[in-house]
Amino acid sequence: DFIMLIRDLVLNDLLGAPILLRGMPIDLLRKGFVASNVPTPYGFVRSISAVVKDGELRIDYEGLGRQVEGNKYEVLIDSPVVPGQVICDGCGYEVLSSNMVRVLHSGKFTIRIK
């Protein structure tokens, strides 16, 4: 149970699509973290890393998500940084609310939220 609790801080799937960082303490994000081979209903996420530095959240993600069309996958990010500017390499994005960002990708992306 404890391992699944930690997994859910990094990535949970309670809303039908993987959600990154939901409930992740900001202090942990300031130190940064890396997780590998995270199990999801969509397969294993090969790697995910995240860090908050100088007011910017950076996430590197490699893995699938909920398939939405062809070879596009959806991941949601529950950002502790309010998205004023989003820079995404390898993905498209949509800001859904003051802290939620929807990402469409093909299996690998890097996103910066400031």
Protein backbone atom coordinates (compact mmCIF):
# COMPACT_ATOMS: atom_id res chain seq x y z
CA ASP A 1 0.00 0.00 0.00
CA PHE A 2 2.82 2.41 0.83
CA ILE A 3 4.46 1.88 -2.56
CA MET A 4 1.17 2.57 -4.35
CA LEU A 5 0.74 5.75 -2.27
CA ILE A 6 4.13 7.00 -3.47
CA ARG A 7 3.27 5.96 -7.06
CA ASP A 8 0.02 7.94 -6.85
CA LEU A 9 1.95 11.09 -5.90
CA VAL A 10 4.03 10.77 -9.06
CA LEU A 11 1.35 9.43 -11.40
CA ASN A 12 -2.23 8.38 -10.74
CA ASP A 13 -5.05 7.40 -13.05
CA LEU A 14 -8.20 8.15 -11.09
CA LEU A 15 -9.74 10.42 -13.76
CA GLY A 16 -9.39 8.13 -16.79
CA ALA A 17 -6.08 9.59 -17.97
CA PRO A 18 -2.71 9.54 -16.19
CA ILE A 19 -2.29 12.57 -13.92
CA LEU A 20 1.23 13.65 -13.06
CA LEU A 21 2.17 15.23 -9.72
CA ARG A 22 -1.32 15.27 -8.17
CA GLY A 23 -0.67 15.92 -4.49
CA MET A 24 3.12 16.00 -4.87
CA PRO A 25 4.67 18.18 -2.12
CA ILE A 26 6.36 21.28 -3.57
CA ASP A 27 9.38 20.70 -1.31
CA LEU A 28 9.99 17.35 -2.99
CA LEU A 29 9.67 18.95 -6.42
CA ARG A 30 12.23 21.60 -5.48
CA LYS A 31 14.70 18.78 -4.78
CA GLY A 32 13.59 16.96 -7.94
CA PHE A 33 12.84 13.29 -8.46
CA VAL A 34 13.19 10.53 -11.03
CA ALA A 35 10.99 7.44 -11.30
CA SER A 36 11.39 4.51 -13.68
CA ASN A 37 9.11 1.69 -14.83
CA VAL A 38 5.99 3.12 -13.19
CA PRO A 39 3.01 0.76 -13.73
CA THR A 40 -0.20 2.20 -15.19
CA PRO A 41 -3.27 0.68 -16.87
CA TYR A 42 -1.70 1.88 -20.16
CA GLY A 43 1.60 0.08 -19.66
CA PHE A 44 4.79 1.05 -17.88
CA VAL A 45 6.06 4.62 -17.94
CA ARG A 46 9.72 4.11 -18.77
CA SER A 47 10.85 7.27 -16.98
CA ILE A 48 9.58 10.50 -15.49
CA SER A 49 11.56 13.25 -13.85
CA ALA A 50 10.38 16.56 -12.47
CA VAL A 51 11.95 19.54 -10.74
CA VAL A 52 10.87 23.05 -9.78
CA LYS A 53 13.71 25.57 -10.04
CA ASP A 54 13.52 29.37 -10.22
CA GLY A 55 9.72 29.25 -10.47
CA GLU A 56 9.74 26.84 -13.43
CA LEU A 57 8.45 23.26 -13.44
CA ARG A 58 10.30 20.96 -15.84
CA ILE A 59 9.04 17.46 -16.61
CA ASP A 60 10.74 14.86 -18.79
CA TYR A 61 8.39 11.96 -19.60
CA GLU A 62 8.83 8.78 -21.60
CA GLY A 63 5.92 6.37 -21.77
CA LEU A 64 2.38 6.02 -22.98
CA GLY A 65 -0.80 7.51 -21.63
CA ARG A 66 -4.45 7.20 -22.51
CA GLN A 67 -4.62 6.73 -26.28
CA VAL A 68 -6.79 9.44 -27.83
CA GLU A 69 -6.11 9.23 -31.58
CA GLY A 70 -3.73 7.25 -33.75
CA ASN A 71 -0.37 7.37 -32.05
CA LYS A 72 -1.26 10.27 -29.71
CA TYR A 73 -1.51 9.81 -25.97
CA GLU A 74 -2.97 12.02 -23.25
CA VAL A 75 -1.40 12.89 -19.91
CA LEU A 76 -2.66 15.50 -17.44
CA ILE A 77 -0.30 17.55 -15.28
CA ASP A 78 -1.48 18.91 -11.93
CA SER A 79 1.04 21.72 -11.84
CA PRO A 80 2.12 23.39 -8.59
CA VAL A 81 3.26 26.31 -10.79
CA VAL A 82 0.40 28.38 -12.25
CA PRO A 83 0.85 28.09 -16.03
CA GLY A 84 1.69 31.55 -17.35
CA GLN A 85 3.99 30.26 -20.07
CA VAL A 86 4.24 26.67 -21.32
CA ILE A 87 7.02 25.39 -23.57
CA CYS A 88 6.60 21.86 -24.84
CA ASP A 89 9.07 19.80 -26.88
CA GLY A 90 7.50 16.72 -28.47
CA CYS A 91 3.93 17.51 -27.52
CA GLY A 92 0.90 19.71 -27.86
CA TYR A 93 -0.79 21.12 -24.79
CA GLU A 94 -3.91 22.84 -23.51
CA VAL A 95 -4.21 24.71 -20.20
CA LEU A 96 -7.45 23.42 -18.67
CA SER A 97 -7.53 25.39 -15.42
CA SER A 98 -5.32 27.42 -13.11
CA ASN A 99 -3.17 24.38 -12.40
CA MET A 100 -4.13 21.61 -14.87
CA VAL A 101 -2.39 21.14 -18.23
CA ARG A 102 -3.45 18.52 -20.80
CA VAL A 103 -0.58 17.13 -22.88
CA LEU A 104 -0.90 15.20 -26.16
CA HIS A 105 2.27 13.34 -27.12
CA SER A 106 3.64 10.40 -29.09
CA GLY A 107 5.46 8.63 -26.27
CA LYS A 108 8.08 11.12 -25.12
CA PHE A 109 8.08 14.81 -24.21
CA THR A 110 9.72 17.58 -22.20
CA ILE A 111 7.56 20.38 -20.85
CA ARG A 112 8.45 23.56 -18.99
CA ILE A 113 5.77 25.48 -17.13
CA LYS A 114 6.48 28.94 -15.74
